[in-house]
Structures are given as structure tokens and as C-alpha cells.
Amino acid sequence: MAKISKKRQIVLREDEFQVRNLYAHACQRWPKDVVDKDLTRLWDLRCIWGVQRVLPFGNTNFTNLGEMLWVAKEVCEFGSVEIKTPNP
């Protein structure tokens, strides 16, 4: 994952509430230990809600999975996994 600039980090911190909301609902849908091991479940839930046209939190500043995972790990301190992206 590309390094997130300090300026972008400040903007992304505003999404803490939305990510905490996704985490809480993801833990209701899947076992908490599964969500903690794979924080991409938050993105899965966001996509499910998008298809169902149920986005209870409105707009977000994060625009991709990497930014959402950064908020989840660095701001909300969720999960015990290292954020990695596949090498092309």
C-alpha cells in the first residue's frame, strides 16, 4: 500500500465514526474473531450495503480499501493483522 500523506491522514481521521459503525455491524454479521483477523470484512459489508442501497453513514472520505483499512487499524486500532496489498 502506498504511504498516506499527513494531509490525507488528517482527512481520513474524520471517518472514524463510519469505520466503527461498519465494524460493529460486521461483528453482528460475522463472528468477531473472523472480522478481527480479516478487516476486509468491513469493506465487504460496505459493498453489500451499497448494493442494497443502505448506506447509513452517508459519504466517506476514504475512497478505497487501503484507506479504509488504514482508518480501521491506525485510528480505531481494530484487528491484529498487518495491512498488505498484493504485489502486481
PDB file of N, CA and C in Angstrom:
ATOM      1  N   MET A   1       0.843  -1.168   0.000  1.00  0.00           N
ATOM      2  CA  MET A   1       0.000   0.000   0.000  1.00  0.00           C
ATOM      3  C   MET A   1       0.889   1.232   0.000  1.00  0.00           C
ATOM      4  N   ALA A   2       0.518   2.196  -0.783  1.00  0.00           N
ATOM      5  CA  ALA A   2       1.264   3.449  -0.827  1.00  0.00           C
ATOM      6  C   ALA A   2       1.129   4.179   0.509  1.00  0.00           C
ATOM      7  N   LYS A   3       2.167   4.908   0.853  1.00  0.00           N
ATOM      8  CA  LYS A   3       2.139   5.664   2.098  1.00  0.00           C
ATOM      9  C   LYS A   3       1.113   6.794   1.990  1.00  0.00           C
ATOM     10  N   ILE A   4       0.355   6.989   3.046  1.00  0.00           N
ATOM     11  CA  ILE A   4      -0.666   8.030   3.072  1.00  0.00           C
ATOM     12  C   ILE A   4      -0.048   9.298   3.639  1.00  0.00           C
ATOM     13  N   SER A   5      -0.199  10.391   2.914  1.00  0.00           N
ATOM     14  CA  SER A   5       0.401  11.658   3.337  1.00  0.00           C
ATOM     15  C   SER A   5      -0.238  12.149   4.635  1.00  0.00           C
ATOM     16  N   LYS A   6       0.480  12.988   5.345  1.00  0.00           N
ATOM     17  CA  LYS A   6      -0.025  13.557   6.603  1.00  0.00           C
ATOM     18  C   LYS A   6      -1.323  14.325   6.376  1.00  0.00           C
ATOM     19  N   LYS A   7      -1.389  15.070   5.287  1.00  0.00           N
ATOM     20  CA  LYS A   7      -2.587  15.849   4.966  1.00  0.00           C
ATOM     21  C   LYS A   7      -3.782  14.908   4.758  1.00  0.00           C
ATOM     22  N   ARG A   8      -3.568  13.818   4.031  1.00  0.00           N
ATOM     23  CA  ARG A   8      -4.643  12.854   3.774  1.00  0.00           C
ATOM     24  C   ARG A   8      -5.032  12.136   5.072  1.00  0.00           C
ATOM     25  N   GLN A   9      -4.074  11.839   5.933  1.00  0.00           N
ATOM     26  CA  GLN A   9      -4.357  11.184   7.214  1.00  0.00           C
ATOM     27  C   GLN A   9      -5.314  12.026   8.054  1.00  0.00           C
ATOM     28  N   ILE A  10      -5.113  13.340   8.039  1.00  0.00           N
ATOM     29  CA  ILE A  10      -5.988  14.242   8.804  1.00  0.00           C
ATOM     30  C   ILE A  10      -7.418  14.137   8.295  1.00  0.00           C
ATOM     31  N   VAL A  11      -7.580  14.112   6.986  1.00  0.00           N
ATOM     32  CA  VAL A  11      -8.915  13.993   6.384  1.00  0.00           C
ATOM     33  C   VAL A  11      -9.534  12.635   6.706  1.00  0.00           C
ATOM     34  N   LEU A  12      -8.740  11.583   6.612  1.00  0.00           N
ATOM     35  CA  LEU A  12      -9.258  10.234   6.843  1.00  0.00           C
ATOM     36  C   LEU A  12      -9.669  10.010   8.298  1.00  0.00           C
ATOM     37  N   ARG A  13      -9.046  10.695   9.221  1.00  0.00           N
ATOM     38  CA  ARG A  13      -9.412  10.553  10.638  1.00  0.00           C
ATOM     39  C   ARG A  13     -10.875  10.917  10.889  1.00  0.00           C
ATOM     40  N   GLU A  14     -11.444  11.736  10.009  1.00  0.00           N
ATOM     41  CA  GLU A  14     -12.853  12.118  10.142  1.00  0.00           C
ATOM     42  C   GLU A  14     -13.798  10.937   9.917  1.00  0.00           C
ATOM     43  N   ASP A  15     -13.300   9.847   9.350  1.00  0.00           N
ATOM     44  CA  ASP A  15     -14.124   8.672   9.067  1.00  0.00           C
ATOM     45  C   ASP A  15     -14.154   7.665  10.220  1.00  0.00           C
ATOM     46  N   GLU A  16     -13.616   8.029  11.355  1.00  0.00           N
ATOM     47  CA  GLU A  16     -13.576   7.101  12.485  1.00  0.00           C
ATOM     48  C   GLU A  16     -14.968   6.582  12.834  1.00  0.00           C
ATOM     49  N   PHE A  17     -15.965   7.448  12.925  1.00  0.00           N
ATOM     50  CA  PHE A  17     -17.313   7.026  13.279  1.00  0.00           C
ATOM     51  C   PHE A  17     -17.851   6.010  12.269  1.00  0.00           C
ATOM     52  N   GLN A  18     -17.664   6.279  10.976  1.00  0.00           N
ATOM     53  CA  GLN A  18     -18.173   5.385   9.952  1.00  0.00           C
ATOM     54  C   GLN A  18     -17.508   4.010  10.018  1.00  0.00           C
ATOM     55  N   VAL A  19     -16.208   3.992  10.258  1.00  0.00           N
ATOM     56  CA  VAL A  19     -15.488   2.717  10.330  1.00  0.00           C
ATOM     57  C   VAL A  19     -15.902   1.956  11.586  1.00  0.00           C
ATOM     58  N   ARG A  20     -16.088   2.651  12.697  1.00  0.00           N
ATOM     59  CA  ARG A  20     -16.568   1.983  13.912  1.00  0.00           C
ATOM     60  C   ARG A  20     -17.969   1.405  13.698  1.00  0.00           C
ATOM     61  N   ASN A  21     -18.809   2.125  12.964  1.00  0.00           N
ATOM     62  CA  ASN A  21     -20.144   1.641  12.638  1.00  0.00           C
ATOM     63  C   ASN A  21     -20.060   0.387  11.768  1.00  0.00           C
ATOM     64  N   LEU A  22     -19.218   0.405  10.752  1.00  0.00           N
ATOM     65  CA  LEU A  22     -19.028  -0.769   9.905  1.00  0.00           C
ATOM     66  C   LEU A  22     -18.528  -1.954  10.732  1.00  0.00           C
ATOM     67  N   TYR A  23     -17.580  -1.693  11.629  1.00  0.00           N
ATOM     68  CA  TYR A  23     -17.021  -2.763  12.459  1.00  0.00           C
ATOM     69  C   TYR A  23     -18.103  -3.395  13.340  1.00  0.00           C
ATOM     70  N   ALA A  24     -18.904  -2.561  13.977  1.00  0.00           N
ATOM     71  CA  ALA A  24     -19.958  -3.074  14.862  1.00  0.00           C
ATOM     72  C   ALA A  24     -20.942  -3.943  14.088  1.00  0.00           C
ATOM     73  N   HIS A  25     -21.346  -3.481  12.913  1.00  0.00           N
ATOM     74  CA  HIS A  25     -22.299  -4.256  12.115  1.00  0.00           C
ATOM     75  C   HIS A  25     -21.657  -5.501  11.506  1.00  0.00           C
ATOM     76  N   ALA A  26     -20.380  -5.416  11.146  1.00  0.00           N
ATOM     77  CA  ALA A  26     -19.681  -6.589  10.619  1.00  0.00           C
ATOM     78  C   ALA A  26     -19.589  -7.674  11.696  1.00  0.00           C
ATOM     79  N   CYS A  27     -19.369  -7.261  12.943  1.00  0.00           N
ATOM     80  CA  CYS A  27     -19.290  -8.235  14.045  1.00  0.00           C
ATOM     81  C   CYS A  27     -20.651  -8.856  14.349  1.00  0.00           C
ATOM     82  N   GLN A  28     -21.726  -8.192  13.961  1.00  0.00           N
ATOM     83  CA  GLN A  28     -23.047  -8.797  14.097  1.00  0.00           C
ATOM     84  C   GLN A  28     -23.294  -9.813  12.983  1.00  0.00           C
ATOM     85  N   ARG A  29     -22.736  -9.542  11.823  1.00  0.00           N
ATOM     86  CA  ARG A  29     -22.958 -10.408  10.660  1.00  0.00           C
ATOM     87  C   ARG A  29     -22.026 -11.616  10.665  1.00  0.00           C
ATOM     88  N   TRP A  30     -20.769 -11.416  11.040  1.00  0.00           N
ATOM     89  CA  TRP A  30     -19.768 -12.479  11.086  1.00  0.00           C
ATOM     90  C   TRP A  30     -19.201 -12.541  12.506  1.00  0.00           C
ATOM     91  N   PRO A  31     -18.622 -13.674  12.893  1.00  0.00           N
ATOM     92  CA  PRO A  31     -18.003 -13.746  14.228  1.00  0.00           C
ATOM     93  C   PRO A  31     -16.907 -12.678  14.390  1.00  0.00           C
ATOM     94  N   LYS A  32     -16.822 -12.111  15.590  1.00  0.00           N
ATOM     95  CA  LYS A  32     -15.866 -11.033  15.864  1.00  0.00           C
ATOM     96  C   LYS A  32     -14.432 -11.459  15.556  1.00  0.00           C
ATOM     97  N   ASP A  33     -14.067 -12.682  15.901  1.00  0.00           N
ATOM     98  CA  ASP A  33     -12.693 -13.125  15.647  1.00  0.00           C
ATOM     99  C   ASP A  33     -12.393 -13.197  14.152  1.00  0.00           C
ATOM    100  N   VAL A  34     -13.395 -13.511  13.342  1.00  0.00           N
ATOM    101  CA  VAL A  34     -13.223 -13.534  11.893  1.00  0.00           C
ATOM    102  C   VAL A  34     -12.995 -12.113  11.374  1.00  0.00           C
ATOM    103  N   VAL A  35     -13.764 -11.174  11.879  1.00  0.00           N
ATOM    104  CA  VAL A  35     -13.617  -9.768  11.465  1.00  0.00           C
ATOM    105  C   VAL A  35     -12.259  -9.239  11.904  1.00  0.00           C
ATOM    106  N   ASP A  36     -11.834  -9.561  13.127  1.00  0.00           N
ATOM    107  CA  ASP A  36     -10.537  -9.091  13.620  1.00  0.00           C
ATOM    108  C   ASP A  36      -9.375  -9.642  12.796  1.00  0.00           C
ATOM    109  N   LYS A  37      -9.506 -10.878  12.330  1.00  0.00           N
ATOM    110  CA  LYS A  37      -8.438 -11.487  11.528  1.00  0.00           C
ATOM    111  C   LYS A  37      -8.427 -10.970  10.096  1.00  0.00           C
ATOM    112  N   ASP A  38      -9.594 -10.529   9.611  1.00  0.00           N
ATOM    113  CA  ASP A  38      -9.701 -10.070   8.231  1.00  0.00           C
ATOM    114  C   ASP A  38     -10.561  -8.816   8.178  1.00  0.00           C
ATOM    115  N   LEU A  39      -9.919  -7.674   8.341  1.00  0.00           N
ATOM    116  CA  LEU A  39     -10.645  -6.406   8.372  1.00  0.00           C
ATOM    117  C   LEU A  39     -11.263  -6.044   7.024  1.00  0.00           C
ATOM    118  N   THR A  40     -10.950  -6.791   5.972  1.00  0.00           N
ATOM    119  CA  THR A  40     -11.596  -6.527   4.687  1.00  0.00           C
ATOM    120  C   THR A  40     -13.084  -6.841   4.756  1.00  0.00           C
ATOM    121  N   ARG A  41     -13.530  -7.521   5.799  1.00  0.00           N
ATOM    122  CA  ARG A  41     -14.963  -7.749   6.003  1.00  0.00           C
ATOM    123  C   ARG A  41     -15.714  -6.428   6.126  1.00  0.00           C
ATOM    124  N   LEU A  42     -15.045  -5.402   6.638  1.00  0.00           N
ATOM    125  CA  LEU A  42     -15.678  -4.082   6.723  1.00  0.00           C
ATOM    126  C   LEU A  42     -16.000  -3.569   5.326  1.00  0.00           C
ATOM    127  N   TRP A  43     -15.064  -3.763   4.406  1.00  0.00           N
ATOM    128  CA  TRP A  43     -15.278  -3.337   3.026  1.00  0.00           C
ATOM    129  C   TRP A  43     -16.373  -4.193   2.386  1.00  0.00           C
ATOM    130  N   ASP A  44     -16.360  -5.499   2.685  1.00  0.00           N
ATOM    131  CA  ASP A  44     -17.415  -6.383   2.175  1.00  0.00           C
ATOM    132  C   ASP A  44     -18.786  -5.871   2.592  1.00  0.00           C
ATOM    133  N   LEU A  45     -18.919  -5.513   3.854  1.00  0.00           N
ATOM    134  CA  LEU A  45     -20.195  -5.021   4.359  1.00  0.00           C
ATOM    135  C   LEU A  45     -20.570  -3.702   3.695  1.00  0.00           C
ATOM    136  N   ARG A  46     -19.603  -2.829   3.519  1.00  0.00           N
ATOM    137  CA  ARG A  46     -19.864  -1.557   2.837  1.00  0.00           C
ATOM    138  C   ARG A  46     -20.383  -1.819   1.426  1.00  0.00           C
ATOM    139  N   CYS A  47     -19.795  -2.779   0.737  1.00  0.00           N
ATOM    140  CA  CYS A  47     -20.232  -3.118  -0.620  1.00  0.00           C
ATOM    141  C   CYS A  47     -21.632  -3.737  -0.610  1.00  0.00           C
ATOM    142  N   ILE A  48     -21.895  -4.609   0.354  1.00  0.00           N
ATOM    143  CA  ILE A  48     -23.227  -5.215   0.478  1.00  0.00           C
ATOM    144  C   ILE A  48     -24.262  -4.126   0.691  1.00  0.00           C
ATOM    145  N   TRP A  49     -23.975  -3.204   1.603  1.00  0.00           N
ATOM    146  CA  TRP A  49     -24.915  -2.112   1.862  1.00  0.00           C
ATOM    147  C   TRP A  49     -25.101  -1.246   0.624  1.00  0.00           C
ATOM    148  N   GLY A  50     -24.030  -1.038  -0.125  1.00  0.00           N
ATOM    149  CA  GLY A  50     -24.130  -0.231  -1.336  1.00  0.00           C
ATOM    150  C   GLY A  50     -25.051  -0.866  -2.363  1.00  0.00           C
ATOM    151  N   VAL A  51     -24.932  -2.180  -2.547  1.00  0.00           N
ATOM    152  CA  VAL A  51     -25.797  -2.895  -3.484  1.00  0.00           C
ATOM    153  C   VAL A  51     -27.245  -2.834  -3.020  1.00  0.00           C
ATOM    154  N   GLN A  52     -27.441  -2.913  -1.708  1.00  0.00           N
ATOM    155  CA  GLN A  52     -28.791  -2.873  -1.146  1.00  0.00           C
ATOM    156  C   GLN A  52     -29.308  -1.438  -0.996  1.00  0.00           C
ATOM    157  N   ARG A  53     -28.463  -0.477  -1.364  1.00  0.00           N
ATOM    158  CA  ARG A  53     -28.785   0.949  -1.235  1.00  0.00           C
ATOM    159  C   ARG A  53     -29.072   1.339   0.207  1.00  0.00           C
ATOM    160  N   VAL A  54     -28.287   0.742   1.097  1.00  0.00           N
ATOM    161  CA  VAL A  54     -28.390   1.034   2.519  1.00  0.00           C
ATOM    162  C   VAL A  54     -27.014   1.514   2.966  1.00  0.00           C
ATOM    163  N   LEU A  55     -26.792   2.806   2.893  1.00  0.00           N
ATOM    164  CA  LEU A  55     -25.537   3.372   3.375  1.00  0.00           C
ATOM    165  C   LEU A  55     -25.888   4.338   4.496  1.00  0.00           C
ATOM    166  N   PRO A  56     -25.971   3.825   5.726  1.00  0.00           N
ATOM    167  CA  PRO A  56     -26.460   4.629   6.848  1.00  0.00           C
ATOM    168  C   PRO A  56     -25.548   5.768   7.260  1.00  0.00           C
ATOM    169  N   PHE A  57     -24.338   5.816   6.716  1.00  0.00           N
ATOM    170  CA  PHE A  57     -23.392   6.806   7.175  1.00  0.00           C
ATOM    171  C   PHE A  57     -23.125   7.898   6.154  1.00  0.00           C
ATOM    172  N   GLY A  58     -23.787   7.871   5.024  1.00  0.00           N
ATOM    173  CA  GLY A  58     -23.575   8.907   4.022  1.00  0.00           C
ATOM    174  C   GLY A  58     -22.232   8.788   3.333  1.00  0.00           C
ATOM    175  N   ASN A  59     -21.620   9.903   3.048  1.00  0.00           N
ATOM    176  CA  ASN A  59     -20.342   9.921   2.342  1.00  0.00           C
ATOM    177  C   ASN A  59     -19.186   9.631   3.280  1.00  0.00           C
ATOM    178  N   THR A  60     -18.126   9.087   2.701  1.00  0.00           N
ATOM    179  CA  THR A  60     -16.907   8.852   3.455  1.00  0.00           C
ATOM    180  C   THR A  60     -15.745   9.528   2.744  1.00  0.00           C
ATOM    181  N   ASN A  61     -14.711   9.818   3.483  1.00  0.00           N
ATOM    182  CA  ASN A  61     -13.503  10.385   2.897  1.00  0.00           C
ATOM    183  C   ASN A  61     -12.627   9.310   2.288  1.00  0.00           C
ATOM    184  N   PHE A  62     -12.683   8.082   2.836  1.00  0.00           N
ATOM    185  CA  PHE A  62     -11.871   7.027   2.242  1.00  0.00           C
ATOM    186  C   PHE A  62     -12.478   6.634   0.902  1.00  0.00           C
ATOM    187  N   THR A  63     -11.594   6.399  -0.055  1.00  0.00           N
ATOM    188  CA  THR A  63     -12.054   6.110  -1.409  1.00  0.00           C
ATOM    189  C   THR A  63     -11.678   4.716  -1.881  1.00  0.00           C
ATOM    190  N   ASN A  64     -10.910   4.004  -1.061  1.00  0.00           N
ATOM    191  CA  ASN A  64     -10.517   2.650  -1.452  1.00  0.00           C
ATOM    192  C   ASN A  64     -10.277   1.797  -0.204  1.00  0.00           C
ATOM    193  N   LEU A  65     -10.080   0.536  -0.441  1.00  0.00           N
ATOM    194  CA  LEU A  65      -9.886  -0.421   0.650  1.00  0.00           C
ATOM    195  C   LEU A  65      -8.682  -0.061   1.518  1.00  0.00           C
ATOM    196  N   GLY A  66      -7.585   0.329   0.904  1.00  0.00           N
ATOM    197  CA  GLY A  66      -6.381   0.654   1.664  1.00  0.00           C
ATOM    198  C   GLY A  66      -6.592   1.791   2.647  1.00  0.00           C
ATOM    199  N   GLU A  67      -7.286   2.828   2.214  1.00  0.00           N
ATOM    200  CA  GLU A  67      -7.548   3.958   3.106  1.00  0.00           C
ATOM    201  C   GLU A  67      -8.487   3.555   4.232  1.00  0.00           C
ATOM    202  N   MET A  68      -9.507   2.751   3.920  1.00  0.00           N
ATOM    203  CA  MET A  68     -10.424   2.304   4.969  1.00  0.00           C
ATOM    204  C   MET A  68      -9.689   1.428   5.994  1.00  0.00           C
ATOM    205  N   LEU A  69      -8.803   0.552   5.499  1.00  0.00           N
ATOM    206  CA  LEU A  69      -8.032  -0.294   6.415  1.00  0.00           C
ATOM    207  C   LEU A  69      -7.089   0.543   7.268  1.00  0.00           C
ATOM    208  N   TRP A  70      -6.544   1.611   6.709  1.00  0.00           N
ATOM    209  CA  TRP A  70      -5.674   2.495   7.489  1.00  0.00           C
ATOM    210  C   TRP A  70      -6.459   3.101   8.654  1.00  0.00           C
ATOM    211  N   VAL A  71      -7.673   3.572   8.381  1.00  0.00           N
ATOM    212  CA  VAL A  71      -8.511   4.141   9.444  1.00  0.00           C
ATOM    213  C   VAL A  71      -8.818   3.073  10.490  1.00  0.00           C
ATOM    214  N   ALA A  72      -9.184   1.880  10.042  1.00  0.00           N
ATOM    215  CA  ALA A  72      -9.535   0.800  10.965  1.00  0.00           C
ATOM    216  C   ALA A  72      -8.359   0.439  11.866  1.00  0.00           C
ATOM    217  N   LYS A  73      -7.181   0.351  11.283  1.00  0.00           N
ATOM    218  CA  LYS A  73      -6.015  -0.084  12.058  1.00  0.00           C
ATOM    219  C   LYS A  73      -5.379   1.052  12.860  1.00  0.00           C
ATOM    220  N   GLU A  74      -5.129   2.165  12.219  1.00  0.00           N
ATOM    221  CA  GLU A  74      -4.377   3.244  12.859  1.00  0.00           C
ATOM    222  C   GLU A  74      -5.227   4.150  13.748  1.00  0.00           C
ATOM    223  N   VAL A  75      -6.446   4.437  13.340  1.00  0.00           N
ATOM    224  CA  VAL A  75      -7.293   5.351  14.095  1.00  0.00           C
ATOM    225  C   VAL A  75      -8.140   4.589  15.108  1.00  0.00           C
ATOM    226  N   CYS A  76      -8.808   3.535  14.636  1.00  0.00           N
ATOM    227  CA  CYS A  76      -9.711   2.776  15.510  1.00  0.00           C
ATOM    228  C   CYS A  76      -8.998   1.648  16.262  1.00  0.00           C
ATOM    229  N   GLU A  77      -7.792   1.297  15.825  1.00  0.00           N
ATOM    230  CA  GLU A  77      -6.991   0.234  16.441  1.00  0.00           C
ATOM    231  C   GLU A  77      -7.717  -1.107  16.444  1.00  0.00           C
ATOM    232  N   PHE A  78      -8.359  -1.451  15.314  1.00  0.00           N
ATOM    233  CA  PHE A  78      -9.032  -2.729  15.161  1.00  0.00           C
ATOM    234  C   PHE A  78      -8.086  -3.751  14.558  1.00  0.00           C
ATOM    235  N   GLY A  79      -8.378  -5.008  14.861  1.00  0.00           N
ATOM    236  CA  GLY A  79      -7.682  -6.104  14.200  1.00  0.00           C
ATOM    237  C   GLY A  79      -6.265  -6.311  14.677  1.00  0.00           C
ATOM    238  N   SER A  80      -5.775  -7.446  14.304  1.00  0.00           N
ATOM    239  CA  SER A  80      -4.417  -7.801  14.695  1.00  0.00           C
ATOM    240  C   SER A  80      -3.615  -8.201  13.460  1.00  0.00           C
ATOM    241  N   VAL A  81      -4.042  -7.695  12.311  1.00  0.00           N
ATOM    242  CA  VAL A  81      -3.384  -8.078  11.070  1.00  0.00           C
ATOM    243  C   VAL A  81      -2.594  -6.910  10.516  1.00  0.00           C
ATOM    244  N   GLU A  82      -1.587  -7.255   9.750  1.00  0.00           N
ATOM    245  CA  GLU A  82      -0.786  -6.242   9.091  1.00  0.00           C
ATOM    246  C   GLU A  82      -1.445  -5.919   7.766  1.00  0.00           C
ATOM    247  N   ILE A  83      -1.511  -4.642   7.428  1.00  0.00           N
ATOM    248  CA  ILE A  83      -2.130  -4.232   6.170  1.00  0.00           C
ATOM    249  C   ILE A  83      -1.141  -4.494   5.040  1.00  0.00           C
ATOM    250  N   LYS A  84      -1.562  -5.342   4.098  1.00  0.00           N
ATOM    251  CA  LYS A  84      -0.723  -5.686   2.953  1.00  0.00           C
ATOM    252  C   LYS A  84      -1.563  -5.605   1.692  1.00  0.00           C
ATOM    253  N   THR A  85      -0.894  -5.310   0.613  1.00  0.00           N
ATOM    254  CA  THR A  85      -1.559  -5.373  -0.676  1.00  0.00           C
ATOM    255  C   THR A  85      -0.745  -6.327  -1.548  1.00  0.00           C
ATOM    256  N   PRO A  86      -1.419  -7.031  -2.441  1.00  0.00           N
ATOM    257  CA  PRO A  86      -0.682  -7.985  -3.283  1.00  0.00           C
ATOM    258  C   PRO A  86       0.274  -7.270  -4.235  1.00  0.00           C
ATOM    259  N   ASN A  87       1.375  -7.911  -4.523  1.00  0.00           N
ATOM    260  CA  ASN A  87       2.330  -7.370  -5.483  1.00  0.00           C
ATOM    261  C   ASN A  87       1.840  -7.692  -6.885  1.00  0.00           C
ATOM    262  N   PRO A  88       1.881  -6.702  -7.778  1.00  0.00           N
ATOM    263  CA  PRO A  88       1.403  -6.955  -9.147  1.00  0.00           C
ATOM    264  C   PRO A  88       2.318  -7.867  -9.934  1.00  0.00           C
TER     265      PRO A  88
END
